[in-house]
Protein backbone atom coordinates (compact mmCIF):
# COMPACT_ATOMS: atom_id res chain seq x y z
CA MET A 1 -27.63 29.71 -16.30
CA GLU A 2 -25.94 30.74 -13.08
CA GLU A 3 -27.46 27.80 -11.22
CA ILE A 4 -25.79 25.43 -13.70
CA PHE A 5 -22.40 27.05 -13.23
CA LYS A 6 -22.93 26.93 -9.46
CA TYR A 7 -23.42 23.14 -9.49
CA PHE A 8 -20.91 22.47 -12.30
CA PRO A 9 -18.11 25.01 -11.69
CA GLU A 10 -15.53 22.91 -13.58
CA LEU A 11 -17.13 23.53 -17.01
CA SER A 12 -14.76 24.67 -19.76
CA GLU A 13 -15.26 27.87 -21.74
CA GLU A 14 -16.54 25.81 -24.68
CA GLN A 15 -19.08 24.01 -22.50
CA ARG A 16 -20.24 27.34 -21.03
CA ARG A 17 -20.60 28.76 -24.54
CA GLN A 18 -22.67 25.78 -25.65
CA ILE A 19 -24.95 25.99 -22.60
CA ALA A 20 -25.37 29.77 -23.01
CA ALA A 21 -26.51 29.26 -26.62
CA LEU A 22 -29.33 26.88 -25.68
CA ASP A 23 -31.80 29.53 -24.50
CA GLY A 24 -31.96 31.44 -27.78
CA LEU A 25 -31.99 28.27 -29.87
CA TYR A 26 -34.82 26.60 -27.98
CA ARG A 27 -36.87 29.81 -27.90
CA ASP A 28 -36.46 30.15 -31.66
CA TRP A 29 -37.31 26.52 -32.43
CA ASN A 30 -40.09 26.35 -29.86
CA ALA A 31 -41.89 29.14 -31.69
CA LYS A 32 -41.97 26.88 -34.79
CA ILE A 33 -42.21 23.40 -33.27
CA ASN A 34 -43.54 23.00 -29.75
CA VAL A 35 -41.00 20.81 -27.92
CA ILE A 36 -41.19 22.57 -24.55
CA SER A 37 -44.40 23.88 -22.97
CA ARG A 38 -44.77 27.55 -23.88
CA LYS A 39 -45.29 28.34 -20.20
CA ASP A 40 -42.09 26.51 -19.31
CA ILE A 41 -39.63 27.97 -21.81
CA ASP A 42 -38.58 30.65 -19.30
CA ASN A 43 -37.51 27.81 -17.00
CA LEU A 44 -35.40 26.08 -19.66
CA TYR A 45 -32.19 26.01 -17.63
CA GLU A 46 -33.68 24.78 -14.35
CA HIS A 47 -36.45 22.46 -15.53
CA HIS A 48 -34.74 20.97 -18.59
CA VAL A 49 -30.97 21.56 -18.74
CA LEU A 50 -30.09 21.25 -15.04
CA HIS A 51 -32.67 18.48 -14.59
CA SER A 52 -30.93 16.50 -17.35
CA MET A 53 -27.51 17.14 -15.83
CA ALA A 54 -28.62 15.61 -12.51
CA ILE A 55 -27.63 12.26 -14.01
CA ALA A 56 -24.01 13.43 -13.88
CA LYS A 57 -24.29 13.59 -10.09
CA ILE A 58 -24.63 9.80 -9.83
CA ILE A 59 -22.26 8.76 -12.63
CA ASN A 60 -19.21 10.27 -14.27
CA PHE A 61 -19.34 8.58 -17.68
CA ARG A 62 -15.88 7.42 -18.67
CA ALA A 63 -14.35 8.40 -22.02
CA GLY A 64 -15.57 6.10 -24.78
CA SER A 65 -18.92 5.34 -23.12
CA LYS A 66 -21.93 4.98 -25.43
CA ILE A 67 -25.27 6.28 -24.17
CA LEU A 68 -28.71 6.02 -25.76
CA ASP A 69 -31.28 8.72 -24.95
CA PHE A 70 -34.64 6.97 -25.38
CA GLY A 71 -37.58 9.27 -26.22
CA THR A 72 -35.41 12.38 -26.24
CA GLY A 73 -38.10 14.81 -27.43
CA GLY A 74 -36.25 18.03 -28.20
CA GLY A 75 -32.96 16.67 -26.80
CA PHE A 76 -33.32 16.01 -23.07
CA PRO A 77 -31.46 14.61 -21.23
CA GLY A 78 -29.13 13.81 -24.14
CA ILE A 79 -27.94 17.24 -25.27
CA PRO A 80 -26.97 18.59 -21.81
CA LEU A 81 -25.22 15.29 -21.02
CA ALA A 82 -23.36 15.34 -24.35
CA ILE A 83 -22.12 18.84 -23.48
CA LEU A 84 -20.93 17.60 -20.08
CA PHE A 85 -19.22 14.48 -21.47
CA PRO A 86 -17.56 15.43 -24.78
CA GLU A 87 -15.49 12.21 -24.87
CA CYS A 88 -18.62 10.00 -24.82
CA THR A 89 -21.01 9.24 -27.68
CA PHE A 90 -24.73 9.94 -27.37
CA LYS A 91 -27.46 8.70 -29.69
CA LEU A 92 -30.82 10.44 -29.26
CA ILE A 93 -33.92 8.69 -30.59
CA ASP A 94 -37.57 9.68 -30.71
CA GLY A 95 -40.58 8.52 -32.69
CA THR A 96 -41.61 12.11 -33.51
CA GLY A 97 -39.62 13.44 -36.44
CA LYS A 98 -40.29 17.14 -35.73
CA LYS A 99 -38.77 16.87 -32.27
CA ILE A 100 -35.68 15.08 -33.60
CA ARG A 101 -35.24 17.85 -36.13
CA VAL A 102 -35.08 20.39 -33.29
CA ALA A 103 -32.50 18.28 -31.42
CA GLN A 104 -30.39 17.95 -34.60
CA GLU A 105 -30.52 21.67 -35.35
CA VAL A 106 -29.52 22.54 -31.78
CA CYS A 107 -26.56 20.11 -31.97
CA ASN A 108 -25.47 21.61 -35.29
CA ALA A 109 -25.76 25.17 -34.02
CA ILE A 110 -23.58 24.63 -30.94
CA GLY A 111 -21.09 22.31 -32.68
CA LEU A 112 -21.95 19.24 -30.61
CA LYS A 113 -20.10 16.50 -32.51
CA ASN A 114 -20.67 13.63 -30.05
CA CYS A 115 -24.47 13.76 -30.20
CA HIS A 116 -26.44 11.98 -32.93
CA PRO A 117 -30.23 12.47 -33.01
CA GLU A 118 -32.22 10.02 -35.14
CA HIS A 119 -35.93 9.61 -35.92
CA LEU A 120 -36.42 6.08 -34.64
CA ARG A 121 -38.72 4.12 -32.37
CA GLY A 122 -37.10 2.23 -29.51
CA GLU A 123 -38.19 -1.13 -30.90
CA GLU A 124 -36.20 -0.38 -34.07
CA GLU A 125 -32.94 0.55 -32.30
CA LYS A 126 -30.41 -2.28 -32.71
CA GLY A 127 -27.25 -0.78 -31.17
CA LYS A 128 -25.54 -1.72 -27.91
CA TYR A 129 -24.95 0.92 -25.23
CA ASP A 130 -23.39 1.18 -21.79
CA PHE A 131 -26.41 3.11 -20.51
CA ILE A 132 -29.93 3.98 -21.60
CA VAL A 133 -31.12 7.34 -20.25
CA SER A 134 -34.64 8.75 -20.41
CA ARG A 135 -36.84 11.41 -18.91
CA ALA A 136 -40.33 10.29 -17.82
CA VAL A 137 -41.01 8.52 -21.12
CA MET A 138 -43.00 5.52 -19.87
CA PRO A 139 -43.31 3.23 -16.82
CA LEU A 140 -40.08 1.40 -16.02
CA PRO A 141 -41.32 -2.17 -16.81
CA ASP A 142 -42.51 -1.04 -20.26
CA LEU A 143 -39.21 0.72 -20.93
CA MET A 144 -37.20 -2.32 -19.84
CA LYS A 145 -39.05 -4.58 -22.27
CA ILE A 146 -37.89 -2.38 -25.15
CA VAL A 147 -34.33 -1.45 -24.17
CA LYS A 148 -32.95 -4.52 -22.42
CA LYS A 149 -31.74 -5.77 -25.83
CA ASN A 150 -29.65 -2.59 -26.23
CA ILE A 151 -27.51 -2.86 -23.10
CA ALA A 152 -23.92 -3.92 -23.77
CA LYS A 153 -22.28 -6.72 -21.80
CA GLU A 154 -18.81 -5.13 -21.69
CA GLN A 155 -18.38 -2.85 -18.66
CA ARG A 156 -16.34 0.36 -18.65
CA ASN A 157 -17.86 2.52 -15.87
CA ALA A 158 -17.85 2.49 -12.08
CA LEU A 159 -21.58 1.71 -12.15
CA PRO A 160 -22.62 -1.50 -13.94
CA ASN A 161 -24.34 -0.92 -17.29
CA GLY A 162 -28.05 -0.26 -17.08
CA VAL A 163 -30.92 2.22 -17.31
CA ILE A 164 -31.01 5.69 -15.72
CA CYS A 165 -34.34 7.54 -15.69
CA LEU A 166 -35.48 10.92 -14.46
CA LYS A 167 -38.92 10.63 -12.87
CA GLY A 168 -41.19 12.36 -10.38
CA GLY A 169 -44.13 11.31 -8.27
CA ASN A 170 -44.83 7.99 -6.58
CA LEU A 171 -42.53 5.35 -8.02
CA GLN A 172 -43.49 2.43 -5.79
CA ALA A 173 -45.62 0.51 -8.28
CA GLU A 174 -43.32 0.73 -11.28
CA THR A 175 -40.12 0.01 -9.34
CA TYR A 176 -41.64 -2.87 -7.32
CA PRO A 177 -40.60 -5.61 -9.82
CA TYR A 178 -36.97 -4.44 -9.39
CA ARG A 179 -37.16 -3.65 -5.66
CA ASN A 180 -34.06 -5.69 -4.79
CA ILE A 181 -31.73 -3.96 -7.26
CA VAL A 182 -33.18 -0.55 -8.20
CA GLU A 183 -31.58 2.57 -6.71
CA ILE A 184 -33.67 5.74 -6.29
CA THR A 185 -31.90 9.03 -5.54
CA GLU A 186 -33.74 12.25 -4.78
CA ILE A 187 -32.45 15.07 -6.97
CA SER A 188 -32.88 17.47 -4.04
CA THR A 189 -29.82 15.69 -2.60
CA PHE A 190 -27.78 17.64 -5.15
CA PHE A 191 -29.85 20.69 -6.17
CA GLN A 192 -31.51 22.98 -3.61
CA GLU A 193 -34.14 24.59 -5.87
CA GLU A 194 -37.73 23.93 -4.77
CA TRP A 195 -38.71 22.50 -8.18
CA PHE A 196 -36.48 19.44 -7.65
CA LYS A 197 -38.38 18.21 -4.59
CA GLU A 198 -40.07 14.87 -5.31
CA LYS A 199 -37.99 14.44 -8.47
CA ASN A 200 -35.75 11.39 -8.66
CA ILE A 201 -33.05 9.56 -10.53
CA ILE A 202 -33.80 5.86 -10.98
CA TYR A 203 -30.85 3.60 -11.68
CA LEU A 204 -31.47 0.00 -12.67
CA PRO A 205 -28.41 -2.17 -13.35
CA CYS A 206 -28.95 -4.77 -16.07
């Protein structure tokens, strides 16, 4: 947890309490429903929570923003972002009901009122959002085909509405169709831990 407080020193006592509660909750739920690799649960804060919060280093969502977490799994990046931005609304969707149950139970346990997990496939989501966020769900062109319909026209943030993805590896092929507008930021720009090397934030305005 200390690495999170190092990079986000302005967190309130309530936000710190919510973040501190995540370890026990995910360990408990992961023993029943596998949402995080068993080998990786000891790295929850670095590999999942802090990784999710990297998005906050490229955008400070303004109050009233609506964000859709597409393919959230057990709640990433949506739950850490909802903790960081309590005045924004987050909807978390996933096609696997067991994973959504974990996300809902975690939200309930830490009193996260601005986060709404729902068992839903992306094709079925009809709402409009300022931003779609996701974490390595599918190649960017496939994701865009599904979520373009969900991006609102009205602008309220410093960055134009669009899609923000967390991805690693070689991104050349999947970002090529958007090469003139896509922005790729290395997470190691913000976080010094070795694990973040070759991990990126992709921002695609829509």
